[in-house]
C-alpha atoms as a PDB file:
ATOM      1  CA  MET A   1     -67.048  58.627 119.990  1.00  0.00           C
ATOM      2  CA  ILE A   2     -68.203  59.990 116.208  1.00  0.00           C
ATOM      3  CA  ASP A   3     -68.353  57.122 113.563  1.00  0.00           C
ATOM      4  CA  ASN A   4     -66.527  57.384 110.397  1.00  0.00           C
ATOM      5  CA  LYS A   5     -69.790  56.615 108.548  1.00  0.00           C
ATOM      6  CA  TRP A   6     -71.362  59.751 110.459  1.00  0.00           C
ATOM      7  CA  LYS A   7     -68.326  62.252 109.368  1.00  0.00           C
ATOM      8  CA  GLU A   8     -69.159  60.170 105.363  1.00  0.00           C
ATOM      9  CA  ALA A   9     -72.427  61.558 105.622  1.00  0.00           C
ATOM     10  CA  GLY A  10     -71.715  65.112 107.013  1.00  0.00           C
ATOM     11  CA  TYR A  11     -74.105  64.827 109.916  1.00  0.00           C
ATOM     12  CA  VAL A  12     -74.715  62.949 112.807  1.00  0.00           C
ATOM     13  CA  THR A  13     -77.023  60.279 111.376  1.00  0.00           C
ATOM     14  CA  GLU A  14     -78.110  58.753 114.831  1.00  0.00           C
ATOM     15  CA  PRO A  15     -81.745  58.527 115.742  1.00  0.00           C
ATOM     16  CA  VAL A  16     -82.960  60.923 118.200  1.00  0.00           C
ATOM     17  CA  PRO A  17     -83.952  58.511 121.678  1.00  0.00           C
ATOM     18  CA  LYS A  18     -87.761  57.777 121.713  1.00  0.00           C
ATOM     19  CA  ASP A  19     -89.365  60.159 123.177  1.00  0.00           C
ATOM     20  CA  THR A  20     -87.120  62.567 123.285  1.00  0.00           C
ATOM     21  CA  ASP A  21     -88.628  66.622 123.820  1.00  0.00           C
ATOM     22  CA  ILE A  22     -86.170  67.292 121.158  1.00  0.00           C
ATOM     23  CA  LYS A  23     -86.523  71.358 121.422  1.00  0.00           C
ATOM     24  CA  ALA A  24     -86.281  71.000 125.462  1.00  0.00           C
ATOM     25  CA  GLU A  25     -83.285  68.863 125.211  1.00  0.00           C
ATOM     26  CA  ILE A  26     -81.928  71.141 123.031  1.00  0.00           C
ATOM     27  CA  ARG A  27     -82.411  74.477 125.215  1.00  0.00           C
ATOM     28  CA  ARG A  28     -80.985  72.110 127.932  1.00  0.00           C
ATOM     29  CA  MET A  29     -77.495  71.303 126.057  1.00  0.00           C
ATOM     30  CA  CYS A  30     -77.218  75.155 125.223  1.00  0.00           C
ATOM     31  CA  LYS A  31     -77.376  75.951 128.958  1.00  0.00           C
ATOM     32  CA  GLU A  32     -74.947  73.344 129.638  1.00  0.00           C
ATOM     33  CA  LYS A  33     -72.532  73.408 126.952  1.00  0.00           C
ATOM     34  CA  ASN A  34     -72.656  77.703 126.947  1.00  0.00           C
ATOM     35  CA  ALA A  35     -73.934  77.412 123.497  1.00  0.00           C
ATOM     36  CA  VAL A  36     -75.977  79.928 121.345  1.00  0.00           C
ATOM     37  CA  ILE A  37     -78.046  79.097 118.379  1.00  0.00           C
ATOM     38  CA  MET A  38     -77.741  81.299 115.225  1.00  0.00           C
ATOM     39  CA  ALA A  39     -80.607  81.133 112.464  1.00  0.00           C
ATOM     40  CA  HIS A  40     -80.612  82.626 108.930  1.00  0.00           C
ATOM     41  CA  TYR A  41     -84.103  83.542 107.865  1.00  0.00           C
ATOM     42  CA  TYR A  42     -84.160  80.771 104.798  1.00  0.00           C
ATOM     43  CA  THR A  43     -84.277  77.693 107.594  1.00  0.00           C
ATOM     44  CA  ASP A  44     -87.486  76.376 108.335  1.00  0.00           C
ATOM     45  CA  GLY A  45     -89.655  78.144 110.876  1.00  0.00           C
ATOM     46  CA  GLU A  46     -89.283  75.631 113.808  1.00  0.00           C
ATOM     47  CA  ILE A  47     -85.659  76.059 113.611  1.00  0.00           C
ATOM     48  CA  GLN A  48     -85.655  79.906 113.510  1.00  0.00           C
ATOM     49  CA  ASP A  49     -88.043  79.619 116.520  1.00  0.00           C
ATOM     50  CA  ILE A  50     -85.801  77.552 118.724  1.00  0.00           C
ATOM     51  CA  ALA A  51     -82.736  79.800 117.835  1.00  0.00           C
ATOM     52  CA  ASP A  52     -81.468  82.454 120.238  1.00  0.00           C
ATOM     53  CA  PHE A  53     -81.050  84.938 117.331  1.00  0.00           C
ATOM     54  CA  VAL A  54     -82.167  85.158 113.894  1.00  0.00           C
ATOM     55  CA  GLY A  55     -80.916  87.156 111.157  1.00  0.00           C
ATOM     56  CA  ASP A  56     -79.297  87.564 107.311  1.00  0.00           C
ATOM     57  CA  SER A  57     -75.583  85.520 107.785  1.00  0.00           C
ATOM     58  CA  LEU A  58     -72.980  88.043 108.548  1.00  0.00           C
ATOM     59  CA  ALA A  59     -75.550  89.663 110.738  1.00  0.00           C
ATOM     60  CA  LEU A  60     -75.766  86.685 112.940  1.00  0.00           C
ATOM     61  CA  ALA A  61     -71.907  86.186 112.741  1.00  0.00           C
ATOM     62  CA  GLN A  62     -71.386  89.404 114.273  1.00  0.00           C
ATOM     63  CA  GLN A  63     -74.188  88.438 116.772  1.00  0.00           C
ATOM     64  CA  ALA A  64     -72.140  85.709 117.669  1.00  0.00           C
ATOM     65  CA  ALA A  65     -69.354  87.332 118.489  1.00  0.00           C
ATOM     66  CA  LYS A  66     -70.633  89.475 120.973  1.00  0.00           C
ATOM     67  CA  THR A  67     -72.076  86.990 123.060  1.00  0.00           C
ATOM     68  CA  ASP A  68     -69.837  84.893 125.802  1.00  0.00           C
ATOM     69  CA  ALA A  69     -70.848  81.419 124.268  1.00  0.00           C
ATOM     70  CA  ASP A  70     -68.107  78.749 124.079  1.00  0.00           C
ATOM     71  CA  ILE A  71     -69.762  77.386 121.299  1.00  0.00           C
ATOM     72  CA  VAL A  72     -71.658  78.660 117.913  1.00  0.00           C
ATOM     73  CA  VAL A  73     -74.180  76.556 115.895  1.00  0.00           C
ATOM     74  CA  MET A  74     -74.987  78.323 112.955  1.00  0.00           C
ATOM     75  CA  CYS A  75     -77.931  76.958 111.032  1.00  0.00           C
ATOM     76  CA  GLY A  76     -77.377  77.933 107.575  1.00  0.00           C
ATOM     77  CA  VAL A  77     -75.332  76.947 105.045  1.00  0.00           C
ATOM     78  CA  HIS A  78     -71.665  76.019 105.138  1.00  0.00           C
ATOM     79  CA  PHE A  79     -70.086  79.672 104.365  1.00  0.00           C
ATOM     80  CA  MET A  80     -72.620  80.854 106.955  1.00  0.00           C
ATOM     81  CA  GLY A  81     -70.165  78.724 109.484  1.00  0.00           C
ATOM     82  CA  GLU A  82     -67.473  80.114 108.289  1.00  0.00           C
ATOM     83  CA  THR A  83     -67.953  83.614 108.516  1.00  0.00           C
ATOM     84  CA  ASN A  84     -68.766  82.535 112.110  1.00  0.00           C
ATOM     85  CA  LYS A  85     -65.309  81.278 112.501  1.00  0.00           C
ATOM     86  CA  ILE A  86     -63.175  83.923 110.775  1.00  0.00           C
ATOM     87  CA  LEU A  87     -65.269  86.419 113.555  1.00  0.00           C
ATOM     88  CA  CYS A  88     -65.239  84.133 116.286  1.00  0.00           C
ATOM     89  CA  PRO A  89     -61.651  82.260 115.734  1.00  0.00           C
ATOM     90  CA  ASP A  90     -61.629  81.102 119.304  1.00  0.00           C
ATOM     91  CA  ARG A  91     -65.214  79.978 119.597  1.00  0.00           C
ATOM     92  CA  LYS A  92     -66.032  76.129 118.315  1.00  0.00           C
ATOM     93  CA  VAL A  93     -68.391  77.116 115.362  1.00  0.00           C
ATOM     94  CA  LEU A  94     -70.609  74.374 114.644  1.00  0.00           C
ATOM     95  CA  VAL A  95     -72.911  73.706 111.869  1.00  0.00           C
ATOM     96  CA  PRO A  96     -75.678  70.619 111.754  1.00  0.00           C
ATOM     97  CA  ASP A  97     -75.256  69.283 108.163  1.00  0.00           C
ATOM     98  CA  LEU A  98     -71.848  70.153 106.453  1.00  0.00           C
ATOM     99  CA  ASN A  99     -73.706  69.395 102.991  1.00  0.00           C
ATOM    100  CA  ALA A 100     -75.998  72.534 103.494  1.00  0.00           C
ATOM    101  CA  THR A 101     -73.616  74.646 100.602  1.00  0.00           C
ATOM    102  CA  CYS A 102     -74.451  77.072  99.055  1.00  0.00           C
ATOM    103  CA  SER A 103     -75.116  77.432  94.876  1.00  0.00           C
ATOM    104  CA  LEU A 104     -73.647  80.643  94.575  1.00  0.00           C
ATOM    105  CA  ALA A 105     -70.943  80.131  96.804  1.00  0.00           C
ATOM    106  CA  GLU A 106     -70.065  76.974  94.639  1.00  0.00           C
ATOM    107  CA  SER A 107     -70.063  79.325  91.750  1.00  0.00           C
ATOM    108  CA  CYS A 108     -67.154  81.118  92.328  1.00  0.00           C
ATOM    109  CA  PRO A 109     -64.060  78.416  92.921  1.00  0.00           C
ATOM    110  CA  ALA A 110     -61.139  80.479  94.834  1.00  0.00           C
ATOM    111  CA  LYS A 111     -58.500  78.829  91.680  1.00  0.00           C
ATOM    112  CA  GLU A 112     -60.820  80.072  89.159  1.00  0.00           C
ATOM    113  CA  PHE A 113     -61.505  83.466  90.773  1.00  0.00           C
ATOM    114  CA  GLY A 114     -57.926  84.103  91.731  1.00  0.00           C
ATOM    115  CA  GLU A 115     -57.036  83.473  87.855  1.00  0.00           C
ATOM    116  CA  PHE A 116     -59.999  86.030  86.801  1.00  0.00           C
ATOM    117  CA  VAL A 117     -58.446  88.829  88.759  1.00  0.00           C
ATOM    118  CA  LYS A 118     -54.839  87.868  87.994  1.00  0.00           C
ATOM    119  CA  VAL A 119     -55.972  88.949  84.532  1.00  0.00           C
ATOM    120  CA  HIS A 120     -57.565  92.159  85.450  1.00  0.00           C
ATOM    121  CA  PRO A 121     -54.837  93.822  86.836  1.00  0.00           C
ATOM    122  CA  GLY A 122     -55.352  97.361  88.979  1.00  0.00           C
ATOM    123  CA  HIS A 123     -58.907  96.571  89.777  1.00  0.00           C
ATOM    124  CA  THR A 124     -60.598  97.122  93.187  1.00  0.00           C
ATOM    125  CA  VAL A 125     -61.713  93.184  94.745  1.00  0.00           C
ATOM    126  CA  ILE A 126     -65.448  93.247  95.872  1.00  0.00           C
ATOM    127  CA  SER A 127     -67.100  90.048  96.840  1.00  0.00           C
ATOM    128  CA  TYR A 128     -71.094  89.442  97.955  1.00  0.00           C
ATOM    129  CA  VAL A 129     -70.686  87.900 101.444  1.00  0.00           C
ATOM    130  CA  ASN A 130     -72.172  84.496 100.533  1.00  0.00           C
ATOM    131  CA  THR A 131     -68.971  83.208  99.526  1.00  0.00           C
ATOM    132  CA  THR A 132     -66.197  81.031 100.965  1.00  0.00           C
ATOM    133  CA  ALA A 133     -63.637  81.864 103.349  1.00  0.00           C
ATOM    134  CA  ALA A 134     -61.092  81.406  99.981  1.00  0.00           C
ATOM    135  CA  ILE A 135     -62.697  84.052  98.141  1.00  0.00           C
ATOM    136  CA  LYS A 136     -62.821  86.778 101.227  1.00  0.00           C
ATOM    137  CA  ALA A 137     -59.161  86.184 101.459  1.00  0.00           C
ATOM    138  CA  LEU A 138     -58.753  86.736  97.643  1.00  0.00           C
ATOM    139  CA  THR A 139     -61.432  90.392  98.081  1.00  0.00           C
ATOM    140  CA  ASP A 140     -60.433  93.846  98.879  1.00  0.00           C
ATOM    141  CA  VAL A 141     -63.482  94.558 100.569  1.00  0.00           C
ATOM    142  CA  VAL A 142     -66.675  92.069 101.519  1.00  0.00           C
ATOM    143  CA  VAL A 143     -70.530  93.235 100.994  1.00  0.00           C
ATOM    144  CA  THR A 144     -74.000  92.426 102.062  1.00  0.00           C
ATOM    145  CA  SER A 145     -76.837  92.821  99.819  1.00  0.00           C
ATOM    146  CA  GLY A 146     -77.958  95.714 101.999  1.00  0.00           C
ATOM    147  CA  ASN A 147     -74.682  97.641 102.125  1.00  0.00           C
ATOM    148  CA  ALA A 148     -73.554  96.778  98.505  1.00  0.00           C
ATOM    149  CA  MET A 149     -74.585  99.943  97.149  1.00  0.00           C
ATOM    150  CA  GLN A 150     -73.383 102.522  99.582  1.00  0.00           C
ATOM    151  CA  ILE A 151     -69.929 100.651  99.561  1.00  0.00           C
ATOM    152  CA  VAL A 152     -69.978 100.916  95.681  1.00  0.00           C
ATOM    153  CA  ASN A 153     -70.531 104.287  95.902  1.00  0.00           C
ATOM    154  CA  SER A 154     -68.024 105.397  98.390  1.00  0.00           C
ATOM    155  CA  LEU A 155     -65.085 104.447  96.013  1.00  0.00           C
ATOM    156  CA  PRO A 156     -64.017 107.045  93.065  1.00  0.00           C
ATOM    157  CA  LYS A 157     -66.099 107.112  90.191  1.00  0.00           C
ATOM    158  CA  ASP A 158     -63.293 106.325  87.723  1.00  0.00           C
ATOM    159  CA  GLU A 159     -62.245 103.367  90.522  1.00  0.00           C
ATOM    160  CA  LYS A 160     -61.869  99.762  88.443  1.00  0.00           C
ATOM    161  CA  ILE A 161     -63.790  97.627  90.285  1.00  0.00           C
ATOM    162  CA  ILE A 162     -64.315  93.423  89.914  1.00  0.00           C
ATOM    163  CA  PHE A 163     -67.354  92.210  91.832  1.00  0.00           C
ATOM    164  CA  GLY A 164     -68.326  88.536  92.352  1.00  0.00           C
ATOM    165  CA  PRO A 165     -69.318  86.206  92.549  1.00  0.00           C
ATOM    166  CA  ASP A 166     -73.964  87.426  91.985  1.00  0.00           C
ATOM    167  CA  ARG A 167     -73.962  88.463  88.172  1.00  0.00           C
ATOM    168  CA  ASN A 168     -77.587  89.898  89.006  1.00  0.00           C
ATOM    169  CA  LEU A 169     -76.767  91.834  91.862  1.00  0.00           C
ATOM    170  CA  GLY A 170     -73.564  93.195  89.657  1.00  0.00           C
ATOM    171  CA  ASN A 171     -75.946  93.689  87.460  1.00  0.00           C
ATOM    172  CA  TYR A 172     -78.350  95.648  89.591  1.00  0.00           C
ATOM    173  CA  ILE A 173     -76.054  97.972  91.061  1.00  0.00           C
ATOM    174  CA  ASN A 174     -74.416  98.754  87.625  1.00  0.00           C
ATOM    175  CA  SER A 175     -77.828  99.834  86.479  1.00  0.00           C
ATOM    176  CA  VAL A 176     -78.599 102.121  89.590  1.00  0.00           C
ATOM    177  CA  THR A 177     -75.176 104.173  89.873  1.00  0.00           C
ATOM    178  CA  GLY A 178     -73.823 103.664  86.273  1.00  0.00           C
ATOM    179  CA  ARG A 179     -70.655 101.978  87.376  1.00  0.00           C
ATOM    180  CA  ASN A 180     -69.427  99.195  85.031  1.00  0.00           C
ATOM    181  CA  MET A 181     -67.847  96.943  87.466  1.00  0.00           C
ATOM    182  CA  VAL A 182     -66.372  93.257  85.553  1.00  0.00           C
ATOM    183  CA  LEU A 183     -68.999  90.805  87.156  1.00  0.00           C
ATOM    184  CA  TRP A 184     -67.859  87.248  88.043  1.00  0.00           C
ATOM    185  CA  ASP A 185     -70.913  85.110  86.154  1.00  0.00           C
ATOM    186  CA  GLY A 186     -72.285  83.562  89.380  1.00  0.00           C
ATOM    187  CA  ALA A 187     -75.995  83.406  90.728  1.00  0.00           C
ATOM    188  CA  CYS A 188     -78.014  81.963  93.802  1.00  0.00           C
ATOM    189  CA  HIS A 189     -80.447  78.868  92.009  1.00  0.00           C
ATOM    190  CA  VAL A 190     -83.464  79.971  93.791  1.00  0.00           C
ATOM    191  CA  HIS A 191     -83.247  83.634  93.187  1.00  0.00           C
ATOM    192  CA  GLU A 192     -82.452  82.722  89.449  1.00  0.00           C
ATOM    193  CA  LYS A 193     -85.888  80.453  89.301  1.00  0.00           C
ATOM    194  CA  PHE A 194     -88.235  82.800  89.722  1.00  0.00           C
ATOM    195  CA  SER A 195     -90.860  83.770  86.975  1.00  0.00           C
ATOM    196  CA  LEU A 196     -91.704  87.016  86.087  1.00  0.00           C
ATOM    197  CA  GLU A 197     -94.703  85.955  84.073  1.00  0.00           C
ATOM    198  CA  ARG A 198     -96.178  84.139  87.010  1.00  0.00           C
ATOM    199  CA  ILE A 199     -95.780  86.876  89.316  1.00  0.00           C
ATOM    200  CA  LEU A 200     -97.030  89.165  87.050  1.00  0.00           C
ATOM    201  CA  ASP A 201    -100.341  86.690  87.049  1.00  0.00           C
ATOM    202  CA  LEU A 202    -100.211  86.634  90.941  1.00  0.00           C
ATOM    203  CA  LYS A 203    -100.213  90.529  90.754  1.00  0.00           C
ATOM    204  CA  ALA A 204    -103.201  90.680  88.833  1.00  0.00           C
ATOM    205  CA  SER A 205    -105.047  88.176  91.161  1.00  0.00           C
ATOM    206  CA  HIS A 206    -103.675  90.485  94.020  1.00  0.00           C
ATOM    207  CA  PRO A 207    -103.575  93.997  92.623  1.00  0.00           C
ATOM    208  CA  ASP A 208    -103.348  96.007  95.720  1.00  0.00           C
ATOM    209  CA  ALA A 209    -100.145  93.602  96.563  1.00  0.00           C
ATOM    210  CA  LYS A 210     -96.749  95.155  96.875  1.00  0.00           C
ATOM    211  CA  ILE A 211     -93.839  92.893  94.695  1.00  0.00           C
ATOM    212  CA  LEU A 212     -90.935  92.420  97.501  1.00  0.00           C
ATOM    213  CA  VAL A 213     -87.859  91.578  95.451  1.00  0.00           C
ATOM    214  CA  HIS A 214     -84.157  90.502  96.485  1.00  0.00           C
ATOM    215  CA  PRO A 215     -81.403  91.863  94.022  1.00  0.00           C
ATOM    216  CA  GLU A 216     -80.026  88.645  93.580  1.00  0.00           C
ATOM    217  CA  CYS A 217     -83.223  87.881  91.170  1.00  0.00           C
ATOM    218  CA  LYS A 218     -82.758  88.735  87.529  1.00  0.00           C
ATOM    219  CA  GLY A 219     -83.389  92.048  85.886  1.00  0.00           C
ATOM    220  CA  PRO A 220     -86.696  91.543  84.733  1.00  0.00           C
ATOM    221  CA  VAL A 221     -87.813  90.656  87.777  1.00  0.00           C
ATOM    222  CA  VAL A 222     -86.113  93.104  89.999  1.00  0.00           C
ATOM    223  CA  LYS A 223     -87.864  95.871  87.540  1.00  0.00           C
ATOM    224  CA  VAL A 224     -91.284  95.274  88.406  1.00  0.00           C
ATOM    225  CA  ALA A 225     -90.364  95.451  92.263  1.00  0.00           C
ATOM    226  CA  ASP A 226     -91.876  97.992  94.596  1.00  0.00           C
ATOM    227  CA  LYS A 227     -89.197  97.690  96.734  1.00  0.00           C
ATOM    228  CA  VAL A 228     -85.898  95.680  96.141  1.00  0.00           C
ATOM    229  CA  GLY A 229     -83.421  95.199  98.900  1.00  0.00           C
ATOM    230  CA  SER A 230     -81.918  92.830 101.559  1.00  0.00           C
ATOM    231  CA  THR A 231     -83.939  89.897 103.452  1.00  0.00           C
ATOM    232  CA  ALA A 232     -83.525  92.297 106.735  1.00  0.00           C
ATOM    233  CA  ALA A 233     -84.954  94.992 104.247  1.00  0.00           C
ATOM    234  CA  LEU A 234     -87.686  93.694 102.560  1.00  0.00           C
ATOM    235  CA  LEU A 235     -88.835  92.265 106.278  1.00  0.00           C
ATOM    236  CA  ARG A 236     -88.378  95.757 107.459  1.00  0.00           C
ATOM    237  CA  PHE A 237     -90.202  96.897 104.778  1.00  0.00           C
ATOM    238  CA  SER A 238     -93.492  94.364 105.364  1.00  0.00           C
ATOM    239  CA  GLN A 239     -93.580  95.722 108.708  1.00  0.00           C
ATOM    240  CA  GLU A 240     -93.700  99.497 108.088  1.00  0.00           C
ATOM    241  CA  ASP A 241     -95.373  99.645 105.134  1.00  0.00           C
ATOM    242  CA  ASP A 242     -99.137 100.200 104.654  1.00  0.00           C
ATOM    243  CA  ALA A 243    -100.411  97.896 102.003  1.00  0.00           C
ATOM    244  CA  LYS A 244    -101.688  94.401 103.343  1.00  0.00           C
ATOM    245  CA  GLU A 245    -100.667  92.078 101.258  1.00  0.00           C
ATOM    246  CA  TYR A 246     -97.044  91.293  99.819  1.00  0.00           C
ATOM    247  CA  ILE A 247     -96.135  88.885  97.103  1.00  0.00           C
ATOM    248  CA  VAL A 248     -92.070  88.174  98.097  1.00  0.00           C
ATOM    249  CA  ALA A 249     -89.486  87.145  95.775  1.00  0.00           C
ATOM    250  CA  THR A 250     -86.548  85.749  97.604  1.00  0.00           C
ATOM    251  CA  GLU A 251     -86.367  82.554  99.179  1.00  0.00           C
ATOM    252  CA  SER A 252     -90.050  81.780 101.194  1.00  0.00           C
ATOM    253  CA  GLY A 253     -88.348  81.367 104.268  1.00  0.00           C
ATOM    254  CA  ILE A 254     -88.507  84.879 105.280  1.00  0.00           C
ATOM    255  CA  LEU A 255     -92.153  84.308 105.303  1.00  0.00           C
ATOM    256  CA  HIS A 256     -92.266  82.636 108.281  1.00  0.00           C
ATOM    257  CA  LYS A 257     -90.517  86.116 110.511  1.00  0.00           C
ATOM    258  CA  MET A 258     -92.963  88.429 108.084  1.00  0.00           C
ATOM    259  CA  GLN A 259     -95.915  86.642 109.278  1.00  0.00           C
ATOM    260  CA  GLN A 260     -95.173  85.989 112.984  1.00  0.00           C
ATOM    261  CA  ALA A 261     -93.881  90.230 112.948  1.00  0.00           C
ATOM    262  CA  CYS A 262     -97.158  91.172 110.614  1.00  0.00           C
ATOM    263  CA  PRO A 263    -100.075  88.960 111.751  1.00  0.00           C
ATOM    264  CA  GLU A 264    -102.764  90.357 109.985  1.00  0.00           C
ATOM    265  CA  LYS A 265    -101.124  90.755 106.826  1.00  0.00           C
ATOM    266  CA  THR A 266    -101.041  88.622 103.788  1.00  0.00           C
ATOM    267  CA  PHE A 267     -97.609  87.399 102.133  1.00  0.00           C
ATOM    268  CA  ILE A 268     -97.517  85.704  99.261  1.00  0.00           C
ATOM    269  CA  PRO A 269     -94.414  83.841  97.925  1.00  0.00           C
ATOM    270  CA  ALA A 270     -93.238  84.041  94.494  1.00  0.00           C
ATOM    271  CA  PRO A 271     -93.630  81.183  92.091  1.00  0.00           C
ATOM    272  CA  PRO A 272     -90.268  79.440  90.697  1.00  0.00           C
ATOM    273  CA  ASP A 273     -90.127  78.786  86.793  1.00  0.00           C
ATOM    274  CA  ASP A 274     -91.465  75.185  87.717  1.00  0.00           C
ATOM    275  CA  SER A 275     -94.679  75.078  87.287  1.00  0.00           C
ATOM    276  CA  THR A 276     -95.752  72.588  89.634  1.00  0.00           C
ATOM    277  CA  CYS A 277     -94.136  74.602  92.546  1.00  0.00           C
ATOM    278  CA  ALA A 278     -95.817  77.296  94.573  1.00  0.00           C
ATOM    279  CA  CYS A 279     -92.760  78.725  96.359  1.00  0.00           C
ATOM    280  CA  ASN A 280     -89.339  78.932  95.931  1.00  0.00           C
ATOM    281  CA  GLU A 281     -86.953  77.164  98.606  1.00  0.00           C
ATOM    282  CA  CYS A 282     -82.981  76.433  98.800  1.00  0.00           C
ATOM    283  CA  ASN A 283     -82.714  72.849  99.571  1.00  0.00           C
ATOM    284  CA  TYR A 284     -79.520  73.440 100.901  1.00  0.00           C
ATOM    285  CA  MET A 285     -81.109  75.471 104.022  1.00  0.00           C
ATOM    286  CA  LYS A 286     -84.070  73.096 104.278  1.00  0.00           C
ATOM    287  CA  LEU A 287     -81.206  70.073 105.069  1.00  0.00           C
ATOM    288  CA  ILE A 288     -81.090  71.897 108.446  1.00  0.00           C
ATOM    289  CA  THR A 289     -83.501  69.952 110.884  1.00  0.00           C
ATOM    290  CA  MET A 290     -84.381  69.965 114.591  1.00  0.00           C
ATOM    291  CA  GLU A 291     -82.912  66.380 114.597  1.00  0.00           C
ATOM    292  CA  LYS A 292     -79.417  67.349 112.889  1.00  0.00           C
ATOM    293  CA  LEU A 293     -79.458  69.985 115.244  1.00  0.00           C
ATOM    294  CA  TYR A 294     -79.936  67.804 118.160  1.00  0.00           C
ATOM    295  CA  ASN A 295     -77.185  65.814 117.395  1.00  0.00           C
ATOM    296  CA  CYS A 296     -74.700  68.432 116.265  1.00  0.00           C
ATOM    297  CA  LEU A 297     -75.491  69.748 119.831  1.00  0.00           C
ATOM    298  CA  ARG A 298     -74.903  66.727 121.418  1.00  0.00           C
ATOM    299  CA  TYR A 299     -71.648  65.559 119.450  1.00  0.00           C
ATOM    300  CA  GLU A 300     -70.540  68.856 118.952  1.00  0.00           C
ATOM    301  CA  TRP A 301     -69.887  68.159 115.290  1.00  0.00           C
ATOM    302  CA  PRO A 302     -69.836  68.730 112.364  1.00  0.00           C
ATOM    303  CA  GLU A 303     -67.089  71.822 113.164  1.00  0.00           C
ATOM    304  CA  ILE A 304     -65.745  74.296 111.104  1.00  0.00           C
ATOM    305  CA  GLU A 305     -62.365  75.232 110.572  1.00  0.00           C
ATOM    306  CA  VAL A 306     -60.651  77.926 108.998  1.00  0.00           C
ATOM    307  CA  ASP A 307     -56.885  77.866 107.857  1.00  0.00           C
ATOM    308  CA  LYS A 308     -55.469  80.532 110.111  1.00  0.00           C
ATOM    309  CA  GLU A 309     -53.668  82.615 106.987  1.00  0.00           C
ATOM    310  CA  VAL A 310     -56.889  82.325 105.189  1.00  0.00           C
ATOM    311  CA  ALA A 311     -58.909  84.216 108.192  1.00  0.00           C
ATOM    312  CA  GLU A 312     -56.385  86.739 108.817  1.00  0.00           C
ATOM    313  CA  LYS A 313     -57.006  87.744 105.129  1.00  0.00           C
ATOM    314  CA  ALA A 314     -60.458  87.146 105.112  1.00  0.00           C
ATOM    315  CA  VAL A 315     -61.050  89.019 108.248  1.00  0.00           C
ATOM    316  CA  LYS A 316     -59.563  92.143 106.459  1.00  0.00           C
ATOM    317  CA  SER A 317     -62.286  92.175 103.869  1.00  0.00           C
ATOM    318  CA  ILE A 318     -65.011  92.245 106.058  1.00  0.00           C
ATOM    319  CA  ASN A 319     -63.299  94.807 108.314  1.00  0.00           C
ATOM    320  CA  ARG A 320     -62.515  96.778 105.336  1.00  0.00           C
ATOM    321  CA  MET A 321     -66.915  96.779 104.643  1.00  0.00           C
ATOM    322  CA  LEU A 322     -67.723  97.615 108.080  1.00  0.00           C
ATOM    323  CA  SER A 323     -65.229 100.984 108.034  1.00  0.00           C
ATOM    324  CA  LEU A 324     -66.673 102.067 104.682  1.00  0.00           C
ATOM    325  CA  SER A 325     -70.487 101.008 106.013  1.00  0.00           C
ATOM    326  CA  LYS A 326     -70.237 103.206 108.800  1.00  0.00           C
END
């Protein structure tokens, strides 16, 4: 039985019993309950290491749908849990902490976005996957940072497009494709904070380092990049490229996988504007802890639910993306 105080907190706060081998118990419960753990690249390294699959948000949801698991535990933020539920409607989908929201998703409320769409009639609505289920339901085609360019280019040159919610990603696509998409004014608080000046200072200290940048960053930061790409694309580039040092301008959790894949290379987190910080972390992703994961599996809560009508509309926009990106 889950106490109401836990529900109000958004996660189970009961202390893990003393002397518990948390990792062993998590794996035992996964086997017992036929559960699978999905972890985003931006979670803490110990969460990534215990997960069955690690990746970007949509890739994780697609992978979950391929498994025969009865329970999907999404170690990431709330919209990722929703995406898992949309693609796995018959599974129980859990997120260890409901407070793990997303500043980008929160920057695009469904009511306001719906009104924005209405005042721009005749536009195809493209939404970044980092959005709530309600936004996906208002969308014609969902995109990821990895396939957004491809999907935009697949549409006729004269097609009117609304792109949301990330203005930085939208501006980047406009600059490369020559489009004039109408942009929703949203952003990710992590990628907004990268400091061009501090990145250039790092580059001066590490002249041979290549700069890897996520397209959610501001334009000036993107312009100094040696490689612009999604989190998965930056990880892949760091494995295939010949350089020995990299300055990485995306959430610092990805450095865990980069270092695991290439222990002989040096990965330097790009710093934010705050001069007291050496790296840039998503405080929401870091809410996911081993203790919360343990309790989440133990009590099978918090569970993610998506309104059936919303889910049916949202999955259409995801399926259109999959058909356009083949």
